[in-house]
Amino acid sequence: MQEEYAAGKLSAEQIQPRLMSWLGHARQGSAAVWREELFDTFRFQKGEDR
C-alpha cells in the first residue's frame, strides 16, 4: 500500500478502511505487541507532486 499511496494511486481515505479491517482481524487474537511492532515499521508518505 505504501508504494501505491506514494504514487498517488491510493488515498488516505482508501487506506484507512483497509487498516481498520486488518486491525479488527488482528484483535481477535492476542497480537497487541505484534500490531505495535508492525505499525512502528510502516510510515505512509506521499510521493513528490506530479
C-alpha atoms as a PDB file:
ATOM      1  CA  MET A   1       0.000   0.000   0.000  1.00  0.00           C
ATOM      2  CA  GLN A   2       2.849   2.393   0.730  1.00  0.00           C
ATOM      3  CA  GLU A   3       4.040   2.294  -2.872  1.00  0.00           C
ATOM      4  CA  GLU A   4       0.533   2.878  -4.210  1.00  0.00           C
ATOM      5  CA  TYR A   5       0.000   5.740  -1.737  1.00  0.00           C
ATOM      6  CA  ALA A   6       3.312   7.369  -2.633  1.00  0.00           C
ATOM      7  CA  ALA A   7       2.452   7.088  -6.326  1.00  0.00           C
ATOM      8  CA  GLY A   8      -0.942   8.706  -5.754  1.00  0.00           C
ATOM      9  CA  LYS A   9      -2.829   5.531  -6.678  1.00  0.00           C
ATOM     10  CA  LEU A  10      -4.418   5.252  -3.215  1.00  0.00           C
ATOM     11  CA  SER A  11      -5.719   7.995  -0.964  1.00  0.00           C
ATOM     12  CA  ALA A  12      -5.610   8.061   2.822  1.00  0.00           C
ATOM     13  CA  GLU A  13      -9.385   7.582   2.690  1.00  0.00           C
ATOM     14  CA  GLN A  14      -8.890   4.349   0.758  1.00  0.00           C
ATOM     15  CA  ILE A  15      -6.164   3.070   3.077  1.00  0.00           C
ATOM     16  CA  GLN A  16      -7.903   3.709   6.380  1.00  0.00           C
ATOM     17  CA  PRO A  17     -10.714   1.128   5.929  1.00  0.00           C
ATOM     18  CA  ARG A  18      -8.162  -1.492   4.910  1.00  0.00           C
ATOM     19  CA  LEU A  19      -6.097  -0.849   8.035  1.00  0.00           C
ATOM     20  CA  MET A  20      -9.170  -0.818  10.271  1.00  0.00           C
ATOM     21  CA  SER A  21     -10.316  -4.109   8.779  1.00  0.00           C
ATOM     22  CA  TRP A  22      -6.951  -5.701   9.406  1.00  0.00           C
ATOM     23  CA  LEU A  23      -6.834  -4.330  12.962  1.00  0.00           C
ATOM     24  CA  GLY A  24     -10.256  -5.836  13.640  1.00  0.00           C
ATOM     25  CA  HIS A  25      -8.982  -9.174  12.411  1.00  0.00           C
ATOM     26  CA  ALA A  26      -5.780  -8.930  14.460  1.00  0.00           C
ATOM     27  CA  ARG A  27      -7.706  -8.053  17.623  1.00  0.00           C
ATOM     28  CA  GLN A  28      -9.356 -11.452  17.517  1.00  0.00           C
ATOM     29  CA  GLY A  29      -6.053 -12.971  18.584  1.00  0.00           C
ATOM     30  CA  SER A  30      -3.514 -11.940  21.165  1.00  0.00           C
ATOM     31  CA  ALA A  31      -1.473  -9.861  18.774  1.00  0.00           C
ATOM     32  CA  ALA A  32      -1.250  -6.490  20.547  1.00  0.00           C
ATOM     33  CA  VAL A  33       2.555  -6.411  20.678  1.00  0.00           C
ATOM     34  CA  TRP A  34       2.849  -7.673  17.130  1.00  0.00           C
ATOM     35  CA  ARG A  35       0.446  -4.956  15.899  1.00  0.00           C
ATOM     36  CA  GLU A  36       2.505  -2.266  17.616  1.00  0.00           C
ATOM     37  CA  GLU A  37       5.745  -3.600  16.165  1.00  0.00           C
ATOM     38  CA  LEU A  38       4.233  -3.829  12.700  1.00  0.00           C
ATOM     39  CA  PHE A  39       2.923  -0.269  12.678  1.00  0.00           C
ATOM     40  CA  ASP A  40       6.200   1.047  14.039  1.00  0.00           C
ATOM     41  CA  THR A  41       7.850  -0.210  10.832  1.00  0.00           C
ATOM     42  CA  PHE A  42       5.469   1.499   8.364  1.00  0.00           C
ATOM     43  CA  ARG A  43       5.144   5.179   7.587  1.00  0.00           C
ATOM     44  CA  PHE A  44       2.855   6.304   4.820  1.00  0.00           C
ATOM     45  CA  GLN A  45       4.367   9.202   2.927  1.00  0.00           C
ATOM     46  CA  LYS A  46       3.188  10.909  -0.198  1.00  0.00           C
ATOM     47  CA  GLY A  47       5.497  10.925  -3.191  1.00  0.00           C
ATOM     48  CA  GLU A  48       6.649  14.043  -4.959  1.00  0.00           C
ATOM     49  CA  ASP A  49       3.978  16.220  -6.541  1.00  0.00           C
ATOM     50  CA  ARG A  50       3.177  15.122 -10.040  1.00  0.00           C
END
